[in-house]
Amino acid sequence: MSTPLADRIRPKEIGEVFGQQHLIGPGKLLSNIIQSGEVPNMIFYGPSGVGKTTVANIISAKTGKKLYKLNATTASVSDVKDIINSLDSFLTADGVLLYLDEIQHFNKKQQQSLLEFMENGKITLIASTTENPYFYVYNAVLSRSAVFEFKPLEPADIEKALRRAIGLVAETDYKAYQLKVHAGAVRHFAQSAAGDVRKAINALEVSLLATPPNKDGVIEITLDTAEQAAQKKALRYDKDGDSHYDIISAFQKSMRGSDPDAALHYLARLIAAGDLQIICRRLLVTASEDIGLAYPQAAAIVKACVDSALQLGLPEARIPLAQAVVLLATAPKSNSAIMGIDAALGDLETMDTGDIPAHLKDAHYSGAKKMGRGLTYQYPHNFENHYVKQQYLPDNIKDRVYYEYGNNKTEQLTKAYWDKIK
């Protein structure tokens, strides 16, 4: 079976790597490490197709250490033991460099089996992961490693990588033909790859394989060919991965930040991924957490939109969902309710709040009066404006204030009312 084009043309020098200039640009930390030849334990974190494995291969070629590669999705403790057992051989006198792909799939025992040898320098670990290492890599390994975050490539960088790929295949696989790839096709490959250079190169390879030479020996890749090969734009979304939580976070923060355009963008991402349940949950919580008492009707309106969306299903669900999102993003904001309940819960966890005042306790049973229950309770509806001053909080926290009126029209009107009454 032929090796994929992306692997055949993988850069072997750091200067051939496009993107990640915040890491491998002149004078940057990872660039300096590569030049020094002294490689610490490292964790490369970022989405797939952005150069983690390529940079690790380039580093390994410069260390002189025996290189081992493991993929944590298929490797076991015995694979790690085999590497450890080889450490005292002639071939590993200078130690080994272990490239461990997808380290998040190693359990705690598997990761801990490396610790002793990472500390004595016999194993230099370069681990890669598409998930946040601070969630998925155990602290003992994390504390012994430098973490480098790789980011999705910009379309301009992917275009450079594509032109390099086109030049290489024109000199090798297609040297018997004239290779012509339209600029629009290159642009489409780059823009539809969502920052993943491997996806772009794979789409190029599909286009090349599917396009026979014409009578003049020209293989011509047009924009139409590119659109068929690249098909639907890739979305970086995994319901169990970082992108899931990142998009949800950006979605709610955009509504909280009163940016309807950004909120609709992240809604579109979630809709494209078909994640209807999480959209509805975020809308419901935002209505009370971030809009709250500044516009109390928002909770009821959003609930109606959510019910409609769940009843309709996608794609029609996008309409009430968009209505709810725009409403929440443009509504006045108040977090007074969540701040109040969190403060009350915090007191329960950190202090003795005391007993419920006797006059508030249930008095609807025989013997309640003998126990002093409800004797001095005053029924507010018997008083002017349905209000009478009396103590409701336990003695230990009788002066605590949990609810602070928000600085918005609705809550300020309510505050003015109660200031007058009280």
Protein backbone atom coordinates (compact mmCIF):
# COMPACT_ATOMS: atom_id res chain seq x y z
CA MET A 1 0.00 0.00 0.00
CA SER A 2 1.41 3.38 -0.99
CA THR A 3 2.46 5.75 1.77
CA PRO A 4 0.22 8.85 1.91
CA LEU A 5 1.66 11.91 0.21
CA ALA A 6 1.66 13.91 3.46
CA ASP A 7 4.05 11.36 5.01
CA ARG A 8 6.25 10.99 1.91
CA ILE A 9 6.98 14.71 1.75
CA ARG A 10 7.19 15.35 5.50
CA PRO A 11 9.81 18.10 6.12
CA LYS A 12 13.19 16.95 7.39
CA GLU A 13 14.54 20.40 8.28
CA ILE A 14 12.97 22.96 10.55
CA GLY A 15 13.16 25.58 7.81
CA GLU A 16 10.78 23.50 5.70
CA VAL A 17 8.07 23.61 8.36
CA PHE A 18 5.40 26.25 7.78
CA GLY A 19 3.50 27.84 10.64
CA GLN A 20 4.21 27.57 14.39
CA GLN A 21 6.51 30.57 14.21
CA HIS A 22 5.70 31.33 17.85
CA LEU A 23 7.63 28.12 18.62
CA ILE A 24 10.14 27.56 15.84
CA GLY A 25 10.68 31.07 14.53
CA PRO A 26 14.17 32.63 14.89
CA GLY A 27 15.05 33.13 18.52
CA LYS A 28 11.98 31.28 19.82
CA LEU A 29 12.35 28.79 22.67
CA LEU A 30 11.77 25.55 20.77
CA SER A 31 13.95 26.75 17.91
CA ASN A 32 16.79 27.44 20.36
CA ILE A 33 16.36 23.99 21.94
CA ILE A 34 16.61 22.31 18.55
CA GLN A 35 19.76 24.27 17.69
CA SER A 36 21.40 23.46 21.03
CA GLY A 37 20.93 19.72 20.64
CA GLU A 38 20.13 19.45 24.36
CA VAL A 39 16.57 18.18 24.36
CA PRO A 40 14.48 18.19 27.56
CA ASN A 41 11.35 16.13 28.11
CA MET A 42 8.63 17.83 26.11
CA ILE A 43 4.91 17.64 25.49
CA PHE A 44 3.56 18.90 22.16
CA TYR A 45 -0.07 19.92 22.48
CA GLY A 46 -2.35 20.88 19.61
CA PRO A 47 -4.85 19.66 17.01
CA SER A 48 -3.94 17.09 14.41
CA GLY A 49 -2.15 18.05 11.22
CA VAL A 50 -0.26 21.07 12.56
CA GLY A 51 3.31 19.73 12.68
CA LYS A 52 3.76 18.04 16.07
CA THR A 53 5.06 14.75 14.67
CA THR A 54 7.12 16.50 12.00
CA VAL A 55 8.94 18.68 14.53
CA ALA A 56 9.48 15.69 16.82
CA ASN A 57 11.03 13.72 13.93
CA ILE A 58 13.35 16.63 13.12
CA ILE A 59 14.44 16.87 16.75
CA SER A 60 15.03 13.13 17.00
CA ALA A 61 17.25 13.18 13.92
CA LYS A 62 19.52 15.74 15.58
CA THR A 63 19.96 14.10 19.01
CA GLY A 64 21.96 11.01 18.10
CA LYS A 65 19.82 9.04 20.54
CA LYS A 66 18.18 5.75 19.68
CA LEU A 67 14.63 6.63 18.59
CA TYR A 68 11.57 4.67 19.61
CA LYS A 69 8.04 5.52 18.53
CA LEU A 70 4.89 4.42 20.32
CA ASN A 71 1.27 5.33 19.77
CA ALA A 72 -0.56 5.31 23.08
CA THR A 73 -3.79 4.18 21.42
CA THR A 74 -2.26 0.76 20.71
CA ALA A 75 0.80 0.52 23.00
CA SER A 76 0.82 -1.30 26.33
CA VAL A 77 2.95 -1.48 29.48
CA SER A 78 4.91 -4.34 27.90
CA ASP A 79 5.94 -2.02 25.05
CA VAL A 80 7.28 0.44 27.58
CA LYS A 81 9.08 -2.38 29.43
CA ASP A 82 10.73 -3.49 26.19
CA ILE A 83 12.16 0.00 25.77
CA ILE A 84 13.30 0.09 29.39
CA ASN A 85 14.98 -3.33 29.04
CA SER A 86 17.00 -2.00 26.09
CA LEU A 87 18.47 0.92 28.03
CA ASP A 88 21.72 -0.76 29.02
CA SER A 89 22.57 -2.10 25.57
CA PHE A 90 25.39 -0.81 23.36
CA LEU A 91 22.95 0.86 20.98
CA THR A 92 21.38 2.91 23.77
CA ALA A 93 24.52 3.99 25.60
CA ASP A 94 23.55 7.64 25.09
CA GLY A 95 19.97 7.02 26.19
CA VAL A 96 16.87 6.83 24.04
CA LEU A 97 14.42 9.33 22.66
CA LEU A 98 10.85 8.10 23.00
CA TYR A 99 8.25 9.74 20.81
CA LEU A 100 4.91 8.90 22.38
CA ASP A 101 1.96 9.93 20.23
CA GLU A 102 -1.48 10.53 21.80
CA ILE A 103 -0.16 10.26 25.37
CA GLN A 104 -3.64 11.04 26.71
CA HIS A 105 -4.55 7.40 25.99
CA PHE A 106 -1.92 6.12 28.46
CA ASN A 107 -3.33 5.47 31.92
CA LYS A 108 -1.62 6.55 35.12
CA LYS A 109 0.33 3.31 35.54
CA GLN A 110 1.64 3.46 31.99
CA GLN A 111 2.72 7.08 32.34
CA GLN A 112 4.34 6.46 35.74
CA SER A 113 6.42 3.60 34.34
CA LEU A 114 8.47 6.23 32.49
CA LEU A 115 9.21 8.51 35.46
CA GLU A 116 12.37 6.92 36.88
CA PHE A 117 14.05 6.88 33.49
CA MET A 118 12.95 10.40 32.62
CA GLU A 119 14.60 11.61 35.83
CA ASN A 120 17.93 9.85 35.31
CA GLY A 121 18.06 10.97 31.67
CA LYS A 122 18.04 7.52 30.11
CA ILE A 123 14.73 8.29 28.42
CA THR A 124 13.99 11.64 26.82
CA LEU A 125 10.28 11.87 26.25
CA ILE A 126 8.62 13.82 23.48
CA ALA A 127 4.91 13.23 23.87
CA SER A 128 2.19 14.61 21.63
CA THR A 129 -1.46 15.06 22.42
CA THR A 130 -4.51 16.63 20.85
CA GLU A 131 -6.02 17.13 24.31
CA ASN A 132 -5.10 19.65 26.99
CA PRO A 133 -2.16 18.04 28.83
CA TYR A 134 -3.12 19.77 32.05
CA PHE A 135 -6.24 17.60 32.05
CA TYR A 136 -4.91 14.36 30.60
CA VAL A 137 -1.24 14.04 31.55
CA TYR A 138 -0.44 13.10 35.14
CA ASN A 139 1.23 15.75 37.25
CA ALA A 140 4.41 13.77 37.84
CA VAL A 141 5.04 13.55 34.08
CA LEU A 142 3.80 17.07 33.44
CA SER A 143 6.11 18.61 36.07
CA ARG A 144 9.13 17.01 34.39
CA SER A 145 8.23 18.26 30.92
CA ALA A 146 8.13 21.49 28.97
CA VAL A 147 4.74 22.03 27.29
CA PHE A 148 4.59 23.58 23.81
CA GLU A 149 1.24 24.46 22.27
CA PHE A 150 0.94 23.99 18.51
CA LYS A 151 -1.81 26.03 16.85
CA PRO A 152 -3.92 25.51 13.72
CA LEU A 153 -2.12 26.83 10.65
CA GLU A 154 -3.27 29.95 8.87
CA PRO A 155 -4.44 29.41 5.26
CA ALA A 156 -1.41 31.36 4.00
CA ASP A 157 0.95 28.87 5.70
CA ILE A 158 -1.01 25.91 4.34
CA GLU A 159 -0.77 27.40 0.84
CA LYS A 160 3.02 27.50 1.19
CA ALA A 161 3.04 23.85 2.28
CA LEU A 162 0.82 22.93 -0.67
CA ARG A 163 3.09 24.69 -3.16
CA ARG A 164 6.06 22.84 -1.68
CA ALA A 165 4.13 19.57 -2.03
CA ILE A 166 3.20 20.36 -5.65
CA GLY A 167 6.82 21.13 -6.46
CA LEU A 168 8.06 17.87 -4.92
CA VAL A 169 5.51 15.60 -6.63
CA ALA A 170 6.08 17.37 -9.94
CA GLU A 171 9.75 16.35 -9.70
CA THR A 172 9.05 12.77 -8.60
CA ASP A 173 5.67 11.08 -9.04
CA TYR A 174 4.54 13.25 -11.97
CA LYS A 175 7.78 14.11 -13.71
CA ALA A 176 6.47 12.52 -16.91
CA TYR A 177 3.64 15.06 -17.03
CA GLN A 178 3.08 18.76 -16.79
CA LEU A 179 1.41 19.51 -13.49
CA LYS A 180 -0.85 22.56 -13.38
CA VAL A 181 -2.67 23.40 -10.14
CA HIS A 182 -4.79 26.55 -10.34
CA ALA A 183 -4.29 29.23 -7.69
CA GLY A 184 -7.99 29.03 -6.80
CA ALA A 185 -7.64 25.30 -6.16
CA VAL A 186 -4.66 25.84 -3.85
CA ARG A 187 -6.60 28.54 -2.01
CA HIS A 188 -9.62 26.26 -1.61
CA PHE A 189 -7.52 23.38 -0.28
CA ALA A 190 -5.98 25.73 2.29
CA GLN A 191 -9.19 27.41 3.39
CA SER A 192 -11.23 24.21 3.66
CA ALA A 193 -8.65 22.43 5.82
CA ALA A 194 -9.48 24.30 9.06
CA GLY A 195 -5.81 24.72 9.95
CA ASP A 196 -4.89 21.07 9.23
CA VAL A 197 -2.08 20.91 6.67
CA ARG A 198 -2.34 17.13 6.42
CA LYS A 199 -5.99 17.39 5.38
CA ALA A 200 -5.07 19.93 2.71
CA ILE A 201 -2.30 17.73 1.29
CA ASN A 202 -4.59 14.69 1.37
CA ALA A 203 -7.17 16.64 -0.66
CA LEU A 204 -4.44 17.58 -3.13
CA GLU A 205 -3.43 13.92 -3.41
CA VAL A 206 -7.03 12.86 -4.05
CA SER A 207 -7.27 15.48 -6.79
CA LEU A 208 -4.08 14.25 -8.42
CA LEU A 209 -5.15 10.61 -8.33
CA ALA A 210 -8.59 11.45 -9.75
CA THR A 211 -7.36 13.66 -12.59
CA PRO A 212 -5.93 11.89 -15.66
CA PRO A 213 -3.58 13.76 -18.00
CA ASN A 214 -5.13 15.31 -21.09
CA LYS A 215 -3.96 14.58 -24.62
CA ASP A 216 -1.10 17.06 -24.19
CA GLY A 217 0.16 15.30 -21.03
CA VAL A 218 -1.11 18.03 -18.70
CA ILE A 219 -2.67 17.17 -15.33
CA GLU A 220 -4.80 20.19 -14.49
CA ILE A 221 -6.29 20.68 -11.04
CA THR A 222 -9.05 23.29 -11.21
CA LEU A 223 -11.12 24.93 -8.49
CA ASP A 224 -13.99 22.58 -9.35
CA THR A 225 -11.71 19.57 -8.82
CA ALA A 226 -10.52 21.01 -5.51
CA GLU A 227 -14.07 21.59 -4.30
CA GLN A 228 -14.99 17.99 -5.03
CA ALA A 229 -11.86 16.63 -3.37
CA ALA A 230 -11.96 18.81 -0.26
CA GLN A 231 -15.74 18.51 0.06
CA LYS A 232 -17.13 19.85 3.32
CA LYS A 233 -14.88 22.08 5.34
CA ALA A 234 -13.40 20.30 8.35
CA LEU A 235 -14.65 21.32 11.75
CA ARG A 236 -12.40 20.91 14.75
CA TYR A 237 -14.96 19.40 17.06
CA ASP A 238 -14.89 16.30 19.22
CA LYS A 239 -17.57 15.76 21.84
CA ASP A 240 -14.98 14.23 24.15
CA GLY A 241 -12.13 16.60 23.32
CA ASP A 242 -10.84 20.08 24.03
CA SER A 243 -12.52 21.67 21.03
CA HIS A 244 -15.88 20.64 22.48
CA TYR A 245 -15.29 22.60 25.67
CA ASP A 246 -13.56 25.48 23.89
CA ILE A 247 -16.51 26.07 21.55
CA ILE A 248 -19.04 25.79 24.37
CA SER A 249 -16.99 28.25 26.43
CA ALA A 250 -16.73 30.72 23.56
CA PHE A 251 -20.46 30.31 22.85
CA GLN A 252 -21.58 31.26 26.35
CA LYS A 253 -18.95 33.96 26.79
CA SER A 254 -20.03 35.61 23.54
CA MET A 255 -23.65 35.76 24.73
CA ARG A 256 -22.49 37.01 28.13
CA GLY A 257 -20.32 39.59 26.41
CA SER A 258 -23.29 40.87 24.36
CA ASP A 259 -21.75 40.01 20.97
CA PRO A 260 -24.57 38.53 18.86
CA ASP A 261 -22.32 38.03 15.82
CA ALA A 262 -19.79 35.91 17.70
CA ALA A 263 -22.57 34.06 19.51
CA LEU A 264 -24.20 33.15 16.18
CA HIS A 265 -20.82 32.01 14.82
CA TYR A 266 -20.29 29.58 17.68
CA LEU A 267 -23.92 28.48 17.48
CA ALA A 268 -23.26 27.67 13.81
CA ARG A 269 -20.27 25.53 14.79
CA LEU A 270 -22.34 23.60 17.30
CA ILE A 271 -25.20 23.18 14.81
CA ALA A 272 -22.79 21.95 12.13
CA ALA A 273 -21.57 19.36 14.62
CA GLY A 274 -25.19 18.38 15.33
CA ASP A 275 -24.79 18.99 19.08
CA LEU A 276 -28.36 20.06 19.81
CA GLN A 277 -28.47 19.00 23.46
CA ILE A 278 -25.46 21.04 24.55
CA ILE A 279 -26.77 24.12 22.71
CA CYS A 280 -30.05 23.92 24.60
CA ARG A 281 -28.35 23.43 27.95
CA ARG A 282 -26.08 26.45 27.41
CA LEU A 283 -29.00 28.64 26.37
CA LEU A 284 -31.04 27.68 29.42
CA VAL A 285 -28.21 28.31 31.87
CA THR A 286 -27.21 31.59 30.21
CA ALA A 287 -30.76 32.92 30.54
CA SER A 288 -30.53 32.67 34.33
CA GLU A 289 -26.78 32.98 34.94
CA ASP A 290 -25.96 35.96 32.76
CA ILE A 291 -29.24 37.75 31.99
CA GLY A 292 -31.11 36.82 35.13
CA LEU A 293 -33.14 39.53 36.82
CA ALA A 294 -32.14 42.22 34.34
CA TYR A 295 -34.69 40.65 31.98
CA PRO A 296 -36.51 37.86 33.85
CA GLN A 297 -38.73 37.06 30.85
CA ALA A 298 -35.67 35.77 28.98
CA ALA A 299 -35.80 32.47 30.86
CA ALA A 300 -39.36 31.78 29.71
CA ILE A 301 -38.71 32.88 26.13
CA VAL A 302 -35.54 30.79 25.86
CA LYS A 303 -37.34 27.77 27.33
CA ALA A 304 -39.99 28.15 24.61
CA CYS A 305 -37.28 28.39 21.93
CA VAL A 306 -35.49 25.33 23.31
CA ASP A 307 -38.71 23.32 23.40
CA SER A 308 -39.43 24.32 19.80
CA ALA A 309 -35.90 23.35 18.71
CA LEU A 310 -36.10 19.94 20.35
CA GLN A 311 -39.52 19.33 18.82
CA LEU A 312 -38.44 20.46 15.36
CA GLY A 313 -35.01 18.85 15.23
CA LEU A 314 -32.26 19.99 12.90
CA PRO A 315 -32.08 21.72 10.47
CA GLU A 316 -35.25 23.68 11.36
CA ALA A 317 -34.13 23.89 15.00
CA ARG A 318 -31.53 26.44 13.95
CA ILE A 319 -34.28 29.11 13.70
CA PRO A 320 -35.57 29.15 17.31
CA LEU A 321 -32.01 28.54 18.51
CA ALA A 322 -30.81 31.63 16.65
CA GLN A 323 -33.72 33.61 18.07
CA ALA A 324 -32.74 32.60 21.60
CA VAL A 325 -29.06 33.36 21.01
CA VAL A 326 -29.70 36.85 19.64
CA LEU A 327 -32.13 37.56 22.48
CA LEU A 328 -29.60 36.55 25.14
CA ALA A 329 -26.69 38.34 23.47
CA THR A 330 -28.61 41.62 23.16
CA ALA A 331 -30.48 41.48 26.49
CA PRO A 332 -29.36 43.52 29.53
CA LYS A 333 -27.14 41.49 31.84
CA SER A 334 -27.19 40.65 35.54
CA ASN A 335 -25.40 37.96 37.52
CA SER A 336 -26.91 38.97 40.86
CA ALA A 337 -28.83 35.68 41.24
CA ILE A 338 -25.85 33.37 40.70
CA MET A 339 -23.61 35.55 42.86
CA GLY A 340 -26.18 35.39 45.64
CA ILE A 341 -26.68 31.64 45.63
CA ASP A 342 -22.94 30.96 45.33
CA ALA A 343 -22.28 33.20 48.33
CA ALA A 344 -24.95 31.37 50.35
CA LEU A 345 -23.53 27.98 49.37
CA GLY A 346 -20.05 29.20 50.26
CA ASP A 347 -21.17 30.05 53.80
CA LEU A 348 -22.66 26.58 54.23
CA GLU A 349 -19.29 25.05 53.38
CA THR A 350 -17.12 27.34 55.47
CA MET A 351 -19.03 28.29 58.62
CA ASP A 352 -21.65 27.29 61.15
CA THR A 353 -24.67 29.24 59.94
CA GLY A 354 -26.75 28.33 63.00
CA ASP A 355 -30.26 27.08 63.56
CA ILE A 356 -33.41 28.31 61.84
CA PRO A 357 -35.14 30.97 63.98
CA ALA A 358 -37.88 29.42 66.12
CA HIS A 359 -40.61 31.70 64.77
CA LEU A 360 -39.97 30.41 61.22
CA LYS A 361 -40.11 26.72 62.09
CA ASP A 362 -43.08 24.57 61.17
CA ALA A 363 -45.88 25.01 63.69
CA HIS A 364 -48.57 22.90 62.03
CA TYR A 365 -48.57 20.00 64.49
CA SER A 366 -49.67 19.39 68.07
CA GLY A 367 -47.04 20.30 70.59
CA ALA A 368 -45.40 22.95 68.37
CA LYS A 369 -46.37 25.75 70.74
CA LYS A 370 -44.90 23.89 73.73
CA MET A 371 -41.61 23.79 71.80
CA GLY A 372 -41.79 27.51 71.08
CA ARG A 373 -42.31 27.05 67.38
CA GLY A 374 -43.90 29.85 65.35
CA LEU A 375 -45.04 31.83 68.40
CA THR A 376 -43.78 35.24 67.28
CA TYR A 377 -44.10 34.83 63.54
CA GLN A 378 -45.79 37.81 61.85
CA TYR A 379 -47.80 37.16 58.70
CA PRO A 380 -46.68 39.82 56.15
CA HIS A 381 -50.05 39.98 54.37
CA ASN A 382 -51.62 41.34 57.55
CA PHE A 383 -49.52 44.49 57.25
CA GLU A 384 -49.45 47.52 55.00
CA ASN A 385 -47.80 46.83 51.62
CA HIS A 386 -47.69 43.13 52.64
CA TYR A 387 -44.45 43.67 54.51
CA VAL A 388 -43.31 43.57 58.12
CA LYS A 389 -39.75 43.66 59.39
CA GLN A 390 -38.66 40.47 61.16
CA GLN A 391 -35.59 38.23 61.22
CA TYR A 392 -35.43 35.41 58.68
CA LEU A 393 -31.78 34.40 58.69
CA PRO A 394 -30.28 32.27 61.50
CA ASP A 395 -28.71 34.26 64.36
CA ASN A 396 -25.15 33.42 63.30
CA ILE A 397 -25.60 35.10 59.92
CA LYS A 398 -28.49 37.47 60.60
CA ASP A 399 -26.69 40.42 59.00
CA ARG A 400 -25.41 38.62 55.92
CA VAL A 401 -26.31 40.09 52.52
CA TYR A 402 -26.35 37.62 49.64
CA TYR A 403 -28.37 39.46 47.04
CA GLU A 404 -27.10 42.77 45.68
CA TYR A 405 -29.39 44.57 43.24
CA GLY A 406 -27.86 44.66 39.78
CA ASN A 407 -27.16 47.94 38.03
CA ASN A 408 -29.90 47.57 35.43
CA LYS A 409 -33.32 49.13 34.93
CA THR A 410 -35.40 46.19 36.12
CA GLU A 411 -33.50 45.52 39.34
CA GLN A 412 -33.06 49.20 40.13
CA LEU A 413 -36.82 49.71 39.86
CA THR A 414 -37.31 46.79 42.23
CA LYS A 415 -34.71 48.25 44.60
CA ALA A 416 -36.42 51.64 44.55
CA TYR A 417 -39.73 49.96 45.41
CA TRP A 418 -38.32 48.08 48.38
CA ASP A 419 -36.26 51.02 49.60
CA LYS A 420 -39.51 52.95 49.78
CA ILE A 421 -41.45 50.16 51.50
CA LYS A 422 -38.77 49.21 53.99
